[in-house]
Protein backbone atom coordinates (compact mmCIF):
# COMPACT_ATOMS: atom_id res chain seq x y z
CA MET A 1 1.21 25.80 -7.66
CA GLY A 2 -2.02 24.76 -5.95
CA LYS A 3 -1.93 27.19 -3.03
CA ASN A 4 -4.00 25.06 -0.63
CA ILE A 5 -2.29 21.78 -1.47
CA LYS A 6 0.64 20.88 0.73
CA ASN A 7 0.92 17.12 0.14
CA ILE A 8 1.20 15.06 -3.05
CA ILE A 9 0.47 11.32 -2.86
CA PHE A 10 1.55 9.25 -5.86
CA ASP A 11 0.54 5.82 -7.03
CA LEU A 12 3.50 3.77 -8.28
CA GLY A 13 2.33 1.64 -11.23
CA ASN A 14 1.53 3.48 -14.46
CA VAL A 15 2.35 6.78 -12.81
CA ILE A 16 6.03 6.38 -11.84
CA VAL A 17 6.73 2.82 -13.05
CA ASP A 18 5.63 1.84 -16.57
CA LEU A 19 3.54 -1.34 -16.55
CA ASP A 20 2.13 -3.84 -19.01
CA LEU A 21 -0.28 -5.79 -16.80
CA ASP A 22 -1.25 -8.17 -19.59
CA ARG A 23 2.37 -9.22 -20.11
CA THR A 24 2.39 -11.21 -16.86
CA ASN A 25 -0.76 -13.02 -18.00
CA ARG A 26 0.76 -13.70 -21.41
CA LEU A 27 3.96 -15.12 -19.92
CA PHE A 28 2.08 -17.45 -17.59
CA GLU A 29 -0.20 -18.52 -20.42
CA GLU A 30 2.79 -19.32 -22.63
CA MET A 31 4.10 -21.67 -19.93
CA LEU A 32 0.80 -23.20 -18.82
CA GLY A 33 -1.04 -23.44 -22.13
CA ALA A 34 -4.62 -24.68 -22.02
CA ASP A 35 -4.54 -25.04 -18.22
CA TYR A 36 -3.77 -21.37 -17.64
CA GLN A 37 -7.36 -20.20 -17.10
CA ALA A 38 -8.27 -23.02 -14.73
CA ILE A 39 -5.12 -22.45 -12.65
CA PHE A 40 -5.63 -18.71 -12.34
CA ARG A 41 -9.33 -19.08 -11.65
CA GLU A 42 -8.44 -21.24 -8.64
CA LEU A 43 -5.73 -18.79 -7.51
CA GLU A 44 -8.26 -15.94 -7.69
CA GLU A 45 -10.77 -17.99 -5.69
CA LEU A 46 -8.06 -18.28 -3.01
CA ASP A 47 -7.76 -14.44 -3.18
CA LEU A 48 -4.04 -15.08 -3.54
CA PHE A 49 -3.04 -11.85 -5.25
CA HIS A 50 -4.93 -9.46 -2.96
CA ARG A 51 -3.70 -11.32 0.13
CA PHE A 52 -0.13 -11.09 -1.14
CA GLU A 53 -0.54 -7.36 -1.75
CA LYS A 54 -1.77 -6.94 1.82
CA GLY A 55 1.27 -8.72 3.23
CA GLN A 56 -0.72 -11.66 4.51
CA MET A 57 1.78 -14.21 3.25
CA SER A 58 5.49 -14.52 2.58
CA ASN A 59 7.12 -14.63 -0.85
CA GLU A 60 7.73 -18.32 -0.29
CA THR A 61 4.06 -19.05 0.45
CA PHE A 62 2.95 -17.06 -2.58
CA ILE A 63 5.31 -18.98 -4.87
CA TRP A 64 4.48 -22.35 -3.26
CA THR A 65 0.73 -21.75 -3.75
CA ILE A 66 1.24 -21.12 -7.46
CA GLN A 67 3.49 -24.19 -7.70
CA HIS A 68 1.02 -26.38 -5.81
CA THR A 69 -2.02 -25.24 -7.80
CA THR A 70 -0.20 -25.62 -11.10
CA GLN A 71 1.05 -29.10 -10.25
CA LYS A 72 -2.43 -30.17 -9.11
CA ILE A 73 -4.19 -29.00 -12.27
CA SER A 74 -1.60 -29.43 -15.01
CA ARG A 75 1.01 -31.76 -13.46
CA ARG A 76 3.61 -29.17 -14.48
CA ASN A 77 6.33 -28.23 -12.02
CA LEU A 78 7.20 -24.53 -12.13
CA SER A 79 10.43 -23.34 -10.55
CA PRO A 80 10.47 -20.26 -8.29
CA GLN A 81 12.59 -18.53 -10.93
CA GLU A 82 9.98 -19.17 -13.64
CA ILE A 83 7.20 -17.82 -11.44
CA ILE A 84 9.14 -14.69 -10.48
CA ARG A 85 10.07 -14.04 -14.13
CA CYS A 86 6.41 -14.15 -15.16
CA TRP A 87 5.17 -12.28 -12.09
CA ASN A 88 7.64 -9.45 -12.74
CA GLY A 89 6.85 -9.44 -16.45
CA MET A 90 4.37 -6.58 -16.02
CA LEU A 91 7.14 -4.25 -14.76
CA LEU A 92 8.81 -2.39 -17.62
CA SER A 93 10.80 0.73 -16.75
CA ILE A 94 11.23 3.79 -14.55
CA PRO A 95 12.24 6.83 -16.63
CA LEU A 96 14.86 9.01 -14.96
CA GLU A 97 12.83 12.10 -15.88
CA ARG A 98 10.13 11.06 -13.40
CA LEU A 99 12.62 10.59 -10.60
CA LYS A 100 14.03 14.07 -11.19
CA PHE A 101 10.45 15.37 -11.21
CA LEU A 102 9.75 13.79 -7.80
CA GLU A 103 12.93 15.24 -6.38
CA ALA A 104 12.02 18.73 -7.61
CA LEU A 105 8.51 18.50 -6.14
CA ARG A 106 9.92 18.01 -2.65
CA LYS A 107 11.07 21.64 -2.69
CA ASP A 108 7.43 22.78 -2.64
CA TYR A 109 5.42 19.88 -1.24
CA LYS A 110 5.53 16.93 1.06
CA VAL A 111 5.62 13.94 -1.28
CA PHE A 112 4.27 10.48 -0.45
CA LEU A 113 3.74 7.17 -2.22
CA TYR A 114 0.76 4.86 -1.74
CA SER A 115 1.01 1.70 -3.81
CA ASN A 116 -0.79 -1.63 -4.02
CA THR A 117 2.30 -3.77 -4.41
CA ASN A 118 4.09 -6.78 -3.00
CA ALA A 119 7.56 -7.68 -1.82
CA ILE A 120 8.61 -9.36 -5.09
CA HIS A 121 7.65 -6.36 -7.22
CA LEU A 122 9.28 -3.94 -4.79
CA GLN A 123 12.50 -5.95 -4.97
CA TRP A 124 12.37 -5.53 -8.77
CA VAL A 125 11.98 -1.74 -8.39
CA TYR A 126 14.97 -1.48 -6.06
CA ALA A 127 17.11 -3.71 -8.30
CA TYR A 128 16.12 -1.77 -11.44
CA LEU A 129 17.11 1.54 -9.84
CA ILE A 130 20.47 0.20 -8.70
CA ARG A 131 21.20 -1.44 -12.06
CA ASN A 132 20.20 1.52 -14.24
CA TYR A 133 20.91 4.59 -12.11
CA GLU A 134 22.91 3.40 -9.08
CA ILE A 135 20.07 4.72 -6.90
CA ARG A 136 19.99 2.88 -3.59
CA ASP A 137 17.78 5.20 -1.51
CA PHE A 138 14.56 5.39 -3.54
CA ASP A 139 12.22 5.56 -0.54
CA ARG A 140 14.16 8.28 1.29
CA ARG A 141 15.34 10.34 -1.65
CA TYR A 142 12.01 10.82 -3.39
CA PHE A 143 9.38 10.61 -0.65
CA ASP A 144 8.72 11.93 2.81
CA LYS A 145 7.38 8.43 3.36
CA PRO A 146 6.24 5.56 1.11
CA TYR A 147 3.21 3.45 1.97
CA TYR A 148 3.32 -0.01 0.40
CA SER A 149 0.21 -2.13 0.80
CA HIS A 150 2.11 -5.28 1.79
CA GLN A 151 3.87 -3.36 4.58
CA ILE A 152 0.91 -1.41 6.00
CA HIS A 153 -1.62 -4.25 5.46
CA HIS A 154 -4.11 -1.94 3.76
CA ARG A 155 -4.98 -1.99 0.09
CA LYS A 156 -6.55 0.57 -2.21
CA PRO A 157 -9.40 1.35 -2.72
CA ASP A 158 -10.36 0.53 0.88
CA THR A 159 -10.92 3.80 2.75
CA SER A 160 -9.08 2.35 5.76
CA GLY A 161 -5.79 2.64 3.85
CA TYR A 162 -6.22 6.33 3.06
CA GLU A 163 -7.30 7.01 6.64
CA PHE A 164 -4.24 5.17 7.91
CA LEU A 165 -1.93 7.20 5.66
CA LEU A 166 -3.47 10.55 6.65
CA LYS A 167 -3.25 9.74 10.35
CA ASP A 168 0.23 8.23 10.20
CA ALA A 169 1.68 11.14 8.20
CA GLY A 170 -0.30 13.81 10.06
CA LEU A 171 -1.96 15.14 6.90
CA LEU A 172 -5.25 16.92 6.29
CA ALA A 173 -7.28 15.36 3.48
CA GLU A 174 -8.23 18.75 2.01
CA GLU A 175 -4.55 19.69 1.73
CA SER A 176 -3.61 16.43 -0.03
CA PHE A 177 -3.60 15.63 -3.76
CA PHE A 178 -3.68 11.97 -4.83
CA ILE A 179 -2.65 10.72 -8.29
CA ASP A 180 -3.64 7.23 -9.48
CA ASP A 181 -4.44 5.51 -12.78
CA ASN A 182 -7.27 3.41 -11.31
CA ALA A 183 -10.79 4.86 -11.04
CA ASP A 184 -11.73 2.77 -8.00
CA ASN A 185 -8.62 3.95 -6.15
CA ILE A 186 -9.49 7.54 -6.99
CA GLN A 187 -13.00 7.07 -5.60
CA GLY A 188 -11.60 5.59 -2.38
CA ALA A 189 -9.47 8.70 -1.87
CA LYS A 190 -12.40 11.00 -2.64
CA ASP A 191 -14.50 9.16 -0.07
CA VAL A 192 -12.16 10.38 2.70
CA GLY A 193 -11.96 13.92 1.31
CA ILE A 194 -8.63 13.81 -0.54
CA LEU A 195 -8.31 15.86 -3.74
CA THR A 196 -7.60 13.61 -6.71
CA TYR A 197 -6.41 13.31 -10.29
CA HIS A 198 -7.30 10.21 -12.33
CA HIS A 199 -4.20 9.82 -14.48
CA PRO A 200 -4.74 8.21 -17.92
CA ILE A 201 -2.39 5.33 -18.70
CA GLY A 202 0.13 6.38 -21.33
CA LEU A 203 0.04 10.08 -20.48
CA GLU A 204 3.30 11.42 -19.05
CA ILE A 205 2.74 12.68 -15.49
CA THR A 206 5.61 15.17 -15.68
CA LYS A 207 3.84 16.91 -18.58
CA VAL A 208 0.38 17.25 -17.01
CA PHE A 209 1.00 17.64 -13.29
CA GLU A 210 1.05 21.44 -13.17
CA SER A 211 -2.09 21.87 -15.23
CA GLU A 212 -4.00 19.33 -13.12
CA ILE A 213 -3.02 20.76 -9.76
CA GLN A 214 -3.86 24.27 -10.97
CA LYS A 215 -7.52 23.19 -11.10
CA PHE A 216 -7.59 23.19 -7.30
CA ARG A 217 -6.35 26.76 -6.85
């Protein structure tokens, strides 16, 4: 165990939840064809995805904006169900082994979650856990407290989000260990003094956690 580390802060995607980010793009492209790039370029200019992750709009506004932009450029009418299916396409699975790992960690550490996510993706996570494992208390069972970007209105890698988490949870940065698959997010945590591990996509966190935290002993 890392003797000076008291708090573990996990990212969600590609650490706990398996993702295929390109799959969402592929599904939208299959539906939109040649207009796909023009539609998503306009959505990115609206900063739609970051705003949604920061909780600055409702699910309905997010879906309507995609519908409106798609109809304007391609004259195609997408249903909310089609949009949600594609949007959730990047979400693959949550292995039970990782959930058991989180539960075991709580015997020795305070365990937190800090995720750039949105209400639609979080609904998928909750539904997946109920459907596959009959788990209905994900946030309470596995974490002292989860911090979802759309609920706290902060988004990684902004330092304000890490500062908010540390203050809200009453944590010291030098006693906290943050795990994320994104280099920019790791740098944001380092900038406020949090110890970090940049987790490679495809590597199993349950297999490497102990060796990585040992480096801070």
